[in-house]
Protein backbone atom coordinates (compact mmCIF):
# COMPACT_ATOMS: atom_id res chain seq x y z
CA MET A 1 149.78 45.47 -45.30
CA THR A 2 149.96 46.69 -41.98
CA GLN A 3 153.33 48.81 -41.28
CA ASP A 4 154.30 44.93 -39.41
CA GLN A 5 154.98 44.02 -42.79
CA PRO A 6 157.23 45.71 -46.00
CA ARG A 7 154.74 46.84 -48.78
CA PRO A 8 155.23 46.02 -51.98
CA ILE A 9 154.98 48.93 -55.06
CA ASN A 10 153.68 48.86 -57.90
CA PRO A 11 152.72 51.77 -59.84
CA ALA A 12 149.51 51.72 -62.47
CA ALA A 13 152.02 54.14 -64.29
CA ILE A 14 154.12 52.41 -65.08
CA PRO A 15 154.03 48.44 -67.17
CA PRO A 16 153.46 45.89 -64.41
CA PRO A 17 155.60 43.75 -63.22
CA LEU A 18 157.00 40.87 -65.91
CA ALA A 19 156.29 37.64 -63.78
CA ARG A 20 156.03 37.15 -60.07
CA TYR A 21 157.50 39.82 -57.89
CA SER A 22 157.10 43.25 -57.27
CA HIS A 23 159.28 46.21 -58.60
CA ALA A 24 159.64 47.80 -54.78
CA LEU A 25 159.33 47.15 -51.36
CA LEU A 26 159.47 49.96 -48.80
CA VAL A 27 160.56 48.45 -45.78
CA PRO A 28 159.15 49.99 -42.49
CA ALA A 29 161.30 51.65 -39.22
CA GLY A 30 161.84 48.77 -37.38
CA PHE A 31 163.07 46.22 -39.16
CA GLU A 32 166.17 43.99 -39.37
CA LEU A 33 168.08 43.54 -42.70
CA LEU A 34 170.26 40.39 -43.11
CA VAL A 35 172.12 40.71 -46.40
CA SER A 36 173.35 37.70 -48.31
CA SER A 37 175.94 37.33 -50.05
CA GLY A 38 176.04 35.68 -53.51
CA GLN A 39 175.02 30.96 -52.78
CA LEU A 40 176.30 28.74 -55.38
CA GLY A 41 175.22 25.68 -55.99
CA LEU A 42 178.05 24.18 -53.77
CA ALA A 43 177.15 20.64 -51.71
CA PRO A 44 178.12 20.23 -48.50
CA ASP A 45 181.11 17.51 -49.37
CA GLY A 46 181.54 20.22 -51.59
CA ALA A 47 180.36 18.29 -54.46
CA ILE A 48 179.08 20.68 -57.87
CA PRO A 49 175.97 19.19 -60.15
CA GLU A 50 175.63 19.85 -63.30
CA ASP A 51 172.51 19.93 -63.71
CA PRO A 52 171.71 23.88 -62.53
CA ARG A 53 168.50 22.77 -60.94
CA GLU A 54 170.15 21.18 -58.51
CA GLN A 55 172.57 23.53 -58.27
CA CYS A 56 169.02 25.63 -57.58
CA ILE A 57 167.73 23.38 -55.42
CA LEU A 58 171.07 24.03 -52.91
CA ILE A 59 171.13 27.75 -53.37
CA PHE A 60 167.89 27.76 -51.72
CA GLU A 61 168.42 24.68 -49.26
CA SER A 62 171.78 27.46 -48.22
CA LEU A 63 169.25 29.99 -48.13
CA ALA A 64 166.70 29.11 -46.05
CA VAL A 65 169.78 27.58 -43.31
CA ILE A 66 170.92 31.18 -43.17
CA LEU A 67 167.79 32.67 -42.68
CA ALA A 68 166.00 30.63 -40.18
CA ASP A 69 170.17 30.71 -38.53
CA ALA A 70 169.28 34.65 -38.10
CA GLY A 71 165.93 33.43 -36.68
CA MET A 72 164.06 34.21 -40.86
CA SER A 73 162.45 32.85 -43.41
CA PHE A 74 161.65 33.09 -47.14
CA ALA A 75 158.74 35.22 -46.13
CA ASP A 76 161.26 37.88 -44.56
CA VAL A 77 163.19 38.18 -47.51
CA VAL A 78 161.49 41.35 -49.94
CA ARG A 79 165.46 41.25 -52.80
CA PHE A 80 166.09 38.04 -54.71
CA THR A 81 169.57 38.94 -56.88
CA ALA A 82 170.19 36.18 -59.34
CA TYR A 83 172.58 35.52 -61.79
CA VAL A 84 172.88 32.77 -64.46
CA THR A 85 175.02 31.64 -67.33
CA ASP A 86 173.02 31.07 -70.01
CA ARG A 87 169.40 32.18 -70.74
CA ALA A 88 167.87 28.88 -70.49
CA TYR A 89 168.20 29.07 -66.74
CA PHE A 90 166.02 31.42 -65.67
CA PRO A 91 163.24 29.26 -66.48
CA VAL A 92 164.57 27.40 -63.95
CA TYR A 93 165.65 29.29 -61.28
CA GLY A 94 162.42 30.76 -61.47
CA GLU A 95 160.65 27.22 -60.63
CA VAL A 96 162.85 26.35 -57.87
CA ARG A 97 162.08 29.44 -56.28
CA GLY A 98 158.25 29.44 -56.65
CA ARG A 99 159.09 26.16 -54.27
CA TYR A 100 160.71 28.41 -51.70
CA VAL A 101 158.83 31.43 -51.47
CA ALA A 102 154.96 32.34 -51.97
CA GLY A 103 153.32 35.31 -53.35
CA SER A 104 154.71 38.04 -55.28
CA ALA A 105 156.03 40.91 -51.51
CA PHE A 106 159.42 41.21 -53.20
CA ALA A 107 161.04 42.44 -55.24
CA SER A 108 163.88 40.69 -58.35
CA THR A 109 166.43 41.09 -60.57
CA LEU A 110 168.14 38.84 -62.53
CA VAL A 111 171.47 39.21 -64.25
CA ILE A 112 172.59 37.13 -67.82
CA VAL A 113 176.72 36.26 -66.91
CA SER A 114 179.76 35.16 -68.82
CA GLY A 115 180.00 33.09 -65.50
CA PHE A 116 181.92 32.25 -62.40
CA THR A 117 184.56 31.33 -60.26
CA ARG A 118 185.11 28.40 -61.45
CA PRO A 119 183.17 27.26 -64.44
CA GLU A 120 180.96 24.60 -63.61
CA PHE A 121 179.28 27.61 -61.36
CA LYS A 122 175.84 28.63 -63.05
CA VAL A 123 173.69 29.77 -60.36
CA GLU A 124 174.51 32.44 -57.94
CA VAL A 125 171.35 34.14 -55.94
CA GLU A 126 171.72 36.46 -53.48
CA ILE A 127 169.10 37.40 -50.96
CA THR A 128 167.93 40.74 -48.49
CA ALA A 129 165.65 40.36 -45.98
CA ALA A 130 163.55 42.58 -43.34
CA ARG A 131 162.25 41.26 -40.20
CA ARG A 132 160.26 43.69 -37.49
CA ARG A 133 162.69 44.27 -34.35
CA ASP A 134 161.30 42.14 -31.11
């Protein structure tokens, strides 16, 4: 990694990450940060699919639009925070995230919650992205 990119931190003195992510990322000076609100599986027409995979896809498509509007892409994401209402949705979220994100140069947290503002929602994801200032 160069000073032009965030640097993954995975110390040998602690157990390795449990999945494809890094324990931490060090973002050097001179980067812009984008911090999103949690995105929910809501279609443009307001429909909420029952299937958690479809909700995840809608979430990642919304995140892609947010990133693009900021001149960024998923390659710039340094942190994912995901919330699911059932442990069974964790692998679904991970599989969908893997379609959009390569490598492990990001930090990640997943929390199982009792619910969201509307009971139809099963997954919520927020991101932090960093990009070198022009």
